[in-house]
Every structure is written in C-alpha cells, then in structure tokens.
Protein backbone atom coordinates (compact mmCIF):
# COMPACT_ATOMS: atom_id res chain seq x y z
CA MET A 1 23.40 -11.68 14.73
CA ARG A 2 20.97 -11.28 11.88
CA SER A 3 21.96 -12.69 8.51
CA THR A 4 21.55 -10.08 5.78
CA ALA A 5 20.52 -12.81 3.35
CA THR A 6 17.84 -14.06 5.75
CA VAL A 7 16.46 -10.60 6.35
CA GLN A 8 16.58 -9.88 2.61
CA GLY A 9 14.69 -13.09 1.92
CA PHE A 10 11.97 -11.97 4.33
CA ILE A 11 11.86 -8.56 2.65
CA ASP A 12 11.42 -10.25 -0.74
CA GLN A 13 8.50 -12.22 0.68
CA ILE A 14 6.51 -9.29 2.03
CA SER A 15 7.59 -6.31 -0.10
CA GLY A 16 4.95 -6.76 -2.80
CA SER A 17 2.05 -6.94 -0.37
CA ALA A 18 3.49 -4.21 1.86
CA SER A 19 3.94 -1.76 -1.01
CA GLN A 20 0.42 -2.39 -2.33
CA ILE A 21 -1.31 -2.22 1.07
CA ALA A 22 0.64 0.84 2.20
CA SER A 23 -0.19 2.69 -1.03
CA GLN A 24 -3.89 1.94 -0.60
CA ASN A 25 -3.93 3.07 3.04
CA ASP A 26 -1.87 6.30 3.07
CA LEU A 27 1.02 4.56 4.88
CA TYR A 28 4.75 4.07 4.38
CA ALA A 29 5.68 0.57 3.17
CA SER A 30 9.18 1.20 4.55
CA VAL A 31 7.85 1.74 8.08
CA MET A 32 5.44 -1.19 7.85
CA MET A 33 8.24 -3.52 6.72
CA ALA A 34 10.70 -2.26 9.34
CA GLN A 35 8.12 -2.92 12.05
CA ALA A 36 7.49 -6.40 10.65
CA ILE A 37 11.23 -7.15 10.69
CA LEU A 38 11.60 -5.85 14.25
CA GLU A 39 8.40 -7.27 15.77
CA SER A 40 8.69 -10.76 14.22
CA ALA A 41 12.49 -11.12 14.08
CA TYR A 42 12.16 -11.09 10.25
CA GLY A 43 9.51 -13.80 10.31
CA THR A 44 11.39 -16.24 12.54
CA SER A 45 9.45 -15.75 15.77
CA MET A 46 6.87 -18.30 16.88
CA LEU A 47 4.03 -15.93 15.99
CA GLY A 48 5.62 -14.53 12.84
CA SER A 49 6.46 -17.81 11.16
CA VAL A 50 4.37 -20.49 9.40
CA PRO A 51 1.57 -21.35 10.15
CA ASN A 52 0.68 -18.27 12.23
CA TYR A 53 1.98 -15.41 10.00
CA ASN A 54 1.34 -12.87 12.81
CA LEU A 55 4.04 -10.28 12.11
CA PHE A 56 2.95 -7.67 14.64
CA GLY A 57 1.88 -9.68 17.69
CA ILE A 58 -1.77 -8.63 17.38
CA LYS A 59 -3.97 -10.37 19.95
CA GLY A 60 -7.42 -11.87 19.44
CA SER A 61 -8.61 -14.00 16.53
CA TYR A 62 -8.76 -13.58 12.75
CA ASN A 63 -11.78 -15.17 11.05
CA GLY A 64 -12.09 -17.38 14.10
CA GLN A 65 -8.43 -18.50 13.97
CA SER A 66 -6.04 -17.92 16.87
CA VAL A 67 -3.02 -19.43 18.60
CA LEU A 68 -2.40 -19.65 22.36
CA LYS A 69 0.97 -18.34 23.48
CA GLN A 70 2.58 -17.39 26.75
CA THR A 71 3.50 -13.72 26.96
CA MET A 72 4.70 -11.29 29.62
CA GLU A 73 2.46 -8.60 31.10
CA ASP A 74 3.26 -5.61 33.29
CA ASP A 75 1.49 -5.47 36.67
CA GLY A 76 1.50 -1.67 36.53
CA LYS A 77 4.49 -1.40 38.83
CA GLY A 78 7.14 -2.43 36.36
CA ASN A 79 7.02 -6.11 37.33
CA LEU A 80 6.52 -8.64 34.53
CA TYR A 81 4.58 -11.88 34.97
CA PRO A 82 3.69 -14.65 32.49
CA VAL A 83 0.14 -15.06 31.14
CA ASN A 84 -1.38 -17.15 28.38
CA ALA A 85 -3.05 -15.12 25.64
CA TYR A 86 -4.63 -15.75 22.25
CA PHE A 87 -3.03 -14.15 19.21
CA ARG A 88 -4.43 -13.83 15.70
CA LYS A 89 -3.54 -16.54 13.19
CA TYR A 90 -3.49 -15.49 9.53
CA PRO A 91 -3.58 -17.52 6.30
CA SER A 92 -0.59 -15.57 4.94
CA TYR A 93 1.60 -12.51 5.53
CA HIS A 94 -0.67 -10.50 3.22
CA GLN A 95 -3.60 -10.70 5.67
CA SER A 96 -1.29 -9.85 8.59
CA LEU A 97 -0.12 -6.70 6.79
CA GLU A 98 -3.71 -5.78 5.90
CA ASP A 99 -4.74 -6.16 9.54
CA TYR A 100 -1.83 -3.97 10.64
CA ALA A 101 -2.95 -1.27 8.18
CA ARG A 102 -6.47 -1.41 9.64
CA VAL A 103 -5.02 -0.88 13.12
CA ILE A 104 -2.89 2.12 12.10
CA LYS A 105 -5.68 3.71 10.05
CA GLY A 106 -8.53 2.94 12.46
CA GLY A 107 -6.79 3.36 15.81
CA PRO A 108 -8.18 2.08 19.09
CA SER A 109 -11.92 2.31 19.74
CA TRP A 110 -11.50 5.38 21.90
CA ASN A 111 -9.51 7.40 19.32
CA PRO A 112 -9.61 6.51 15.60
CA ASN A 113 -6.90 9.12 14.90
CA TYR A 114 -4.50 7.79 17.52
CA TYR A 115 -1.91 6.82 14.89
CA ALA A 116 -2.70 9.68 12.48
CA GLY A 117 0.82 11.02 12.97
CA ALA A 118 2.12 7.99 11.03
CA TRP A 119 -0.05 8.57 7.92
CA LYS A 120 1.72 9.80 4.79
CA SER A 121 -0.72 12.68 4.36
CA ASN A 122 0.22 13.97 7.81
CA THR A 123 4.00 13.63 7.46
CA ALA A 124 6.89 14.96 5.42
CA SER A 125 8.83 11.67 5.42
CA TYR A 126 9.02 8.24 7.05
CA LEU A 127 11.08 9.84 9.85
CA ASP A 128 7.96 11.67 11.06
CA ALA A 129 6.00 8.40 10.97
CA THR A 130 8.50 6.42 13.04
CA LYS A 131 8.66 9.27 15.54
CA ALA A 132 4.85 9.28 15.82
CA LEU A 133 4.77 5.52 16.51
CA THR A 134 7.23 5.89 19.39
CA GLY A 135 5.25 6.21 22.58
CA THR A 136 1.99 5.27 20.88
CA TYR A 137 2.43 1.95 19.08
CA ALA A 138 5.43 1.04 21.24
CA THR A 139 6.58 2.32 24.63
CA ASP A 140 10.23 1.71 23.75
CA THR A 141 11.81 5.18 23.66
CA SER A 142 14.33 4.05 21.04
CA TYR A 143 11.66 2.48 18.80
CA SER A 144 12.06 5.11 16.06
CA VAL A 145 15.85 4.75 16.08
CA LYS A 146 15.56 0.99 15.57
CA LEU A 147 13.05 1.39 12.75
CA ASN A 148 15.08 4.11 11.04
CA ASN A 149 18.22 1.95 11.16
CA LEU A 150 16.39 -0.95 9.52
CA ILE A 151 14.91 1.32 6.84
CA LYS A 152 18.37 2.72 5.98
CA THR A 153 20.23 -0.60 6.21
CA TYR A 154 17.89 -2.40 3.82
CA ASN A 155 16.91 0.59 1.66
CA LEU A 156 13.23 0.05 2.44
CA THR A 157 12.21 3.44 1.06
CA GLN A 158 12.48 1.87 -2.42
CA PHE A 159 9.10 0.27 -1.69
CA ASP A 160 7.37 3.55 -0.80
CA THR A 161 5.09 4.90 -3.52
CA PRO A 162 4.74 8.65 -4.20
CA GLY A 163 1.75 10.59 -2.91
CA SER A 164 -0.58 9.92 -0.01
CA GLY A 165 -1.93 6.52 -0.91
CA ASN A 166 -4.70 7.50 -3.29
CA ASN A 167 -5.40 4.96 -6.04
CA ALA A 168 -4.86 5.72 -9.68
CA GLY A 169 -7.96 7.16 -11.22
CA SER A 170 -8.89 9.12 -8.12
CA SER A 171 -8.37 12.75 -7.18
CA ALA A 172 -6.72 13.41 -3.84
CA ASP A 173 -8.65 13.99 -0.63
CA VAL A 174 -8.66 17.62 0.54
CA TYR A 175 -7.35 18.16 4.07
CA TYR A 176 -7.67 20.99 6.59
CA THR A 177 -5.40 21.53 9.61
CA VAL A 178 -7.32 22.45 12.75
CA LYS A 179 -6.44 25.83 14.27
CA LYS A 180 -7.05 27.28 17.71
CA GLY A 181 -10.73 28.18 18.14
CA ASP A 182 -11.96 25.82 15.42
CA THR A 183 -15.01 23.63 15.92
CA LEU A 184 -16.47 20.98 13.63
CA TRP A 185 -19.38 23.33 12.92
CA ARG A 186 -17.07 26.19 11.85
CA ILE A 187 -14.98 23.91 9.66
CA ALA A 188 -18.11 22.35 8.12
CA THR A 189 -19.55 25.80 7.35
CA ARG A 190 -16.28 27.02 5.82
CA HIS A 191 -16.05 24.03 3.49
CA SER A 192 -19.77 23.71 2.71
CA VAL A 193 -20.21 20.26 4.22
CA SER A 194 -22.20 18.98 7.16
CA VAL A 195 -20.80 18.12 10.59
CA ALA A 196 -22.08 14.59 10.08
CA ALA A 197 -20.13 14.30 6.81
CA LEU A 198 -16.94 15.55 8.49
CA LYS A 199 -17.30 13.00 11.27
CA SER A 200 -17.97 10.23 8.79
CA MET A 201 -15.01 11.10 6.53
CA ASN A 202 -12.64 11.21 9.53
CA ASN A 203 -14.11 8.33 11.59
CA LEU A 204 -14.81 10.68 14.49
CA LYS A 205 -16.92 9.27 17.32
CA SER A 206 -17.44 12.64 19.00
CA ASP A 207 -17.22 16.38 18.23
CA THR A 208 -13.82 16.65 19.91
CA ILE A 209 -10.95 17.89 17.71
CA TYR A 210 -7.51 19.23 18.55
CA VAL A 211 -5.14 21.90 17.23
CA ASN A 212 -2.96 20.70 14.29
CA GLN A 213 -5.22 17.70 13.65
CA LYS A 214 -5.62 17.06 9.92
CA LEU A 215 -9.19 16.50 8.82
CA ILE A 216 -10.54 15.41 5.46
CA VAL A 217 -12.97 18.11 4.31
CA LYS A 218 -13.55 16.73 0.82
CA LYS A 219 -13.19 13.16 -0.39
CA GLY A 220 -11.41 12.45 -3.65
CA THR A 221 -13.63 11.43 -6.52
CA VAL A 222 -13.18 8.77 -9.21
CA VAL A 223 -12.24 10.19 -12.58
CA ALA A 224 -14.41 8.78 -15.37
CA PRO A 225 -12.80 8.07 -18.76
CA PRO A 226 -13.62 10.64 -21.46
CA THR A 227 -16.50 9.72 -23.75
CA SER A 228 -15.31 11.58 -26.82
CA GLY A 229 -12.30 13.18 -28.42
CA GLY A 230 -8.65 12.07 -28.47
CA ILE A 231 -7.70 8.40 -28.33
CA ASN A 232 -10.45 5.88 -27.70
CA PRO A 233 -9.42 4.29 -24.38
CA GLY A 234 -11.63 1.27 -24.96
CA ASN A 235 -9.63 0.13 -27.97
CA SER A 236 -6.58 -1.30 -26.23
CA ASN A 237 -5.82 -4.03 -28.77
CA THR A 238 -3.91 -3.55 -32.01
CA GLY A 239 -5.47 -6.59 -33.65
CA GLY A 240 -8.94 -5.22 -34.31
CA GLY A 241 -10.43 -5.89 -30.84
CA SER A 242 -9.91 -9.67 -30.72
CA SER A 243 -9.03 -11.22 -27.35
CA ALA A 244 -5.44 -12.22 -26.69
CA PRO A 245 -4.48 -15.32 -24.67
CA ALA A 246 -3.00 -14.81 -21.22
CA LYS A 247 0.79 -14.65 -21.07
CA THR A 248 2.49 -17.17 -18.78
CA TYR A 249 5.75 -17.29 -16.86
CA LYS A 250 7.62 -20.23 -15.31
CA VAL A 251 8.85 -19.54 -11.77
CA SER A 252 12.64 -19.68 -11.34
CA ALA A 253 14.77 -20.00 -8.20
CA GLY A 254 14.73 -16.75 -6.21
CA ASP A 255 11.46 -15.50 -7.70
CA THR A 256 8.77 -13.89 -5.55
CA LEU A 257 5.36 -12.57 -6.54
CA TRP A 258 6.66 -9.05 -6.05
CA ARG A 259 9.62 -9.59 -8.40
CA ILE A 260 7.42 -11.21 -11.04
CA SER A 261 4.82 -8.42 -10.76
CA ASN A 262 7.55 -5.80 -11.27
CA LYS A 263 8.99 -7.69 -14.23
CA PHE A 264 5.66 -7.78 -16.05
CA GLY A 265 4.26 -4.46 -14.81
CA VAL A 266 1.27 -5.90 -12.97
CA SER A 267 0.18 -5.92 -9.34
CA VAL A 268 0.66 -8.76 -6.86
CA ALA A 269 -3.11 -8.75 -6.33
CA ASN A 270 -3.68 -9.37 -10.06
CA LEU A 271 -1.17 -12.21 -10.14
CA LYS A 272 -2.91 -13.88 -7.22
CA SER A 273 -6.34 -13.34 -8.79
CA TRP A 274 -5.38 -14.67 -12.24
CA ASN A 275 -3.77 -17.76 -10.70
CA GLY A 276 -6.21 -18.47 -7.88
CA LEU A 277 -3.49 -18.04 -5.24
CA LYS A 278 -4.57 -17.77 -1.61
CA SER A 279 -1.12 -16.81 -0.29
CA ASP A 280 2.18 -15.36 -1.54
CA VAL A 281 3.82 -18.80 -1.67
CA ILE A 282 5.04 -19.95 -5.11
CA HIS A 283 7.43 -22.74 -6.13
CA VAL A 284 10.11 -23.29 -8.74
CA GLY A 285 8.69 -24.64 -12.00
CA GLN A 286 5.19 -23.31 -11.33
CA VAL A 287 3.60 -21.73 -14.41
CA LEU A 288 1.83 -18.45 -13.63
CA LYS A 289 -0.43 -16.26 -15.73
CA VAL A 290 1.13 -12.80 -15.90
CA SER A 291 -1.62 -11.09 -17.89
CA SER A 292 -5.38 -11.33 -18.23
CA SER A 293 -6.82 -13.07 -21.26
CA THR A 294 -9.00 -10.13 -22.30
CA ASN A 295 -6.65 -7.71 -24.01
CA GLY A 296 -3.08 -6.67 -24.70
CA ASN A 297 -1.43 -3.97 -22.67
CA VAL A 298 1.37 -2.26 -24.56
CA SER A 299 0.72 -1.37 -28.18
CA THR A 300 2.65 0.36 -30.92
CA PRO A 301 0.71 3.16 -32.61
CA LYS A 302 -0.28 3.02 -36.25
CA PRO A 303 2.07 4.85 -38.64
CA GLY A 304 1.30 8.45 -39.39
CA ASN A 305 0.53 10.02 -36.00
CA ASN A 306 3.67 9.49 -33.93
CA SER A 307 7.30 8.50 -34.21
CA SER A 308 7.93 4.85 -35.10
CA GLN A 309 9.79 4.55 -31.79
CA ALA A 310 6.79 5.56 -29.68
CA SER A 311 5.12 2.96 -27.47
CA TYR A 312 1.77 3.17 -25.74
CA TYR A 313 0.32 1.53 -22.65
CA THR A 314 -3.33 1.03 -21.67
CA VAL A 315 -3.88 1.80 -17.99
CA LYS A 316 -5.21 -1.04 -15.84
CA LYS A 317 -6.74 -1.09 -12.38
CA GLY A 318 -4.04 -0.53 -9.75
CA ASP A 319 -1.62 1.27 -12.08
CA THR A 320 0.09 4.48 -11.04
CA LEU A 321 2.43 6.76 -12.95
CA TRP A 322 5.21 5.54 -10.68
CA SER A 323 4.59 1.86 -11.50
CA LEU A 324 4.38 2.63 -15.25
CA ALA A 325 7.61 4.63 -15.11
CA SER A 326 9.39 1.80 -13.26
CA LYS A 327 8.18 -0.83 -15.73
CA ASN A 328 9.20 1.17 -18.79
CA LYS A 329 12.52 2.41 -17.36
CA THR A 330 11.56 6.05 -17.56
CA SER A 331 10.50 8.78 -15.12
CA VAL A 332 7.12 10.06 -13.96
CA ALA A 333 8.09 13.50 -15.23
CA LYS A 334 8.83 12.09 -18.71
CA ILE A 335 5.46 10.28 -18.94
CA LYS A 336 3.65 13.42 -17.81
CA SER A 337 5.52 15.46 -20.43
CA LEU A 338 4.82 12.96 -23.25
CA ASN A 339 1.11 12.95 -22.42
CA LYS A 340 0.74 16.61 -21.36
CA LEU A 341 -0.53 15.57 -17.91
CA SER A 342 -0.90 18.35 -15.35
CA SER A 343 -1.34 15.95 -12.39
CA ASN A 344 -0.60 12.35 -11.39
CA THR A 345 -4.23 11.32 -11.97
CA ILE A 346 -4.76 8.53 -14.52
CA TYR A 347 -7.76 6.33 -15.20
CA VAL A 348 -8.47 2.75 -16.22
CA GLY A 349 -8.57 2.36 -20.02
CA GLN A 350 -6.52 5.50 -20.67
CA LYS A 351 -3.80 5.15 -23.34
CA LEU A 352 -0.50 6.72 -22.35
CA ARG A 353 2.63 7.17 -24.38
CA VAL A 354 5.50 5.62 -22.40
CA LYS A 355 8.32 6.07 -24.94
C-alpha cells in the first residue's frame, strides 16, 4: 500500500516545477502530477528515482544521457517478452517534467496535435484531459479513473493555475474550432492570415485538419508597459531608486523550493537562478536568496493619494494575478477591482494595489 506521507513528500518535491511548467504549456499540473505518481510509483521506481529522474518512462537519451533497462514488449498478439531498452536520464525532476510537456504539446512526429485533447485551452476541466489521454498516451482503459482518483485524493487541482497557460504580460491566443467543410485556406481567409502562418502557429505538417479541431488563428502579443500617465512602473523602490540587498532565507526541515517560493511570492525558476541551483534539491541550514538584489517588491504608497493601509506590488517576470492574490491572501477579483483591471493581463514593472 502507498504511504500518504511518502506520496505527499513526492508531491512536495515536484509541485513547484509542475505548476510552473504546466502554466507555461497550456497543461494541467494536476494531470501531470497524477501521471508522474502513477507512472513512477511516486518516484520510487528504478527509472523514477535518483539518479535517473525519469518520471514517465520516456525512451531514448536526454543530452546524451540514458540508462539501460529491461522492459516488456508486446509481440502484437498479446504476448509479452523481455527486451533491453535505453531510457532517458535527467539531471532532475524539473527536466523530466519539461520533457513530458514537450511530448504532450508536440505529439508524435506524425501528428503534432495527437494529445491536443489534454490541453487546457481545449478542455473544460482536468476530467476532459484525463479522458483524452486514455487510449492515446496509455492503452489502459481505466487510465483516466486512476488519474482522477489520485487528483481527488491528494487535491492536486490546488496546483492548477487559472487560464490556458499564457504568461503574465501576454494577451491570450485566439482559437477557432474547425467545422464541417472548412479548409486551411478558408480559415486563413476568414481570419486574414496566411495558410503558412496557420500551419506554423499550430505545428501542422500537412494541410489536413479535422472537425472540432481547435486551431490558433492569432497569437497572443506581449503587452508593453505604458510610457506615460498614471504610476511610473519603473520606480519600484521607495528609497529614491537605490538598490536593495537580496533577502535571504535559511532552509528548515520540511522545506521545498515550491514552499519557499510561495512563502516569498517568487517563482521556483527565480529561486534556482538567484542561487545557482541546477536541481530542486535543497538541504536544512542552506541559506537561499529569496529576492533579487536590484529592487524592492512591495512598497507602501506616499501619504496623500491612498489610504494608509494600502499596499502596492511591482510585477515581476512570471507573476500572475493568481500568484499575487495567493501571496497577499486576497482574491483575483479583489485585485482587479482595486486596480480597475478589465482582464487578467498584467505586465512586468506594473504597480498594482494588493491591499
């Protein structure tokens, strides 16, 4: 039987990376993590444990690194026989999760949209995604049931971010659902783009499309900070523009990069970058930088314009309204109301009232 504590420990290890990677790739972190738990026996399998970190049993090599393992193959008649095969060996779980995302987003060479049914933009919930992976990613007819049970048991939806995986500071991609009689040429004409652009945006290798397929017809664009009017987003310090030293934190028992990133309102990627970490492994007593040394993040406004209780935050790369709301113990709706935002789009350097 699985130990809840052991499974929870594995979840703590991968949740930060899974949430970040899923958000960037229009995927569900909950589904990704459930698959990792199921496929690797929560990181205890030979492939899924140190030093291989292969959570999904992906064959081949990664940056020239692989591990030889005996596996069972089907002879096409339902008979299994043992063969030796090479499987990818990763430097950490983060790279394994990134590789998985590339597989789900890129599909096999003969159909880049093979797993499109599991993308957030093509689904109403994680239930649609697990259903789409059954019979495609896995032949097990009860695959979705197993994944759904894991997601519910361990409340994995808490790691799913709102929206369809677009980064903060970007407008959403525009999609079109293919109807009977549509061709790439007709769709391109209707949306004032070229057939070549459509194929490029959707990684299509041919002109073949199918009914109910979702196609990107316009890519989201980066929102540039305003150059005049309102608050100057470049002035994020309250001390007259002088640099502030990086804040540090001493790792305690039970800490993970994901927990520390949530505590200080930063991303796991930033923590790793600031501290030169190559993997998600940290140890008790280790001192980590939890902010950059360039500027402060949360500032209190000068008297006169707002209530003395108001607090402001300067948006950094990787921030979303959801992450800001979580950090400041408020809601996305409240932040949007305080700042008169009509959408979830925010940009780097923008000053937002969070209280």
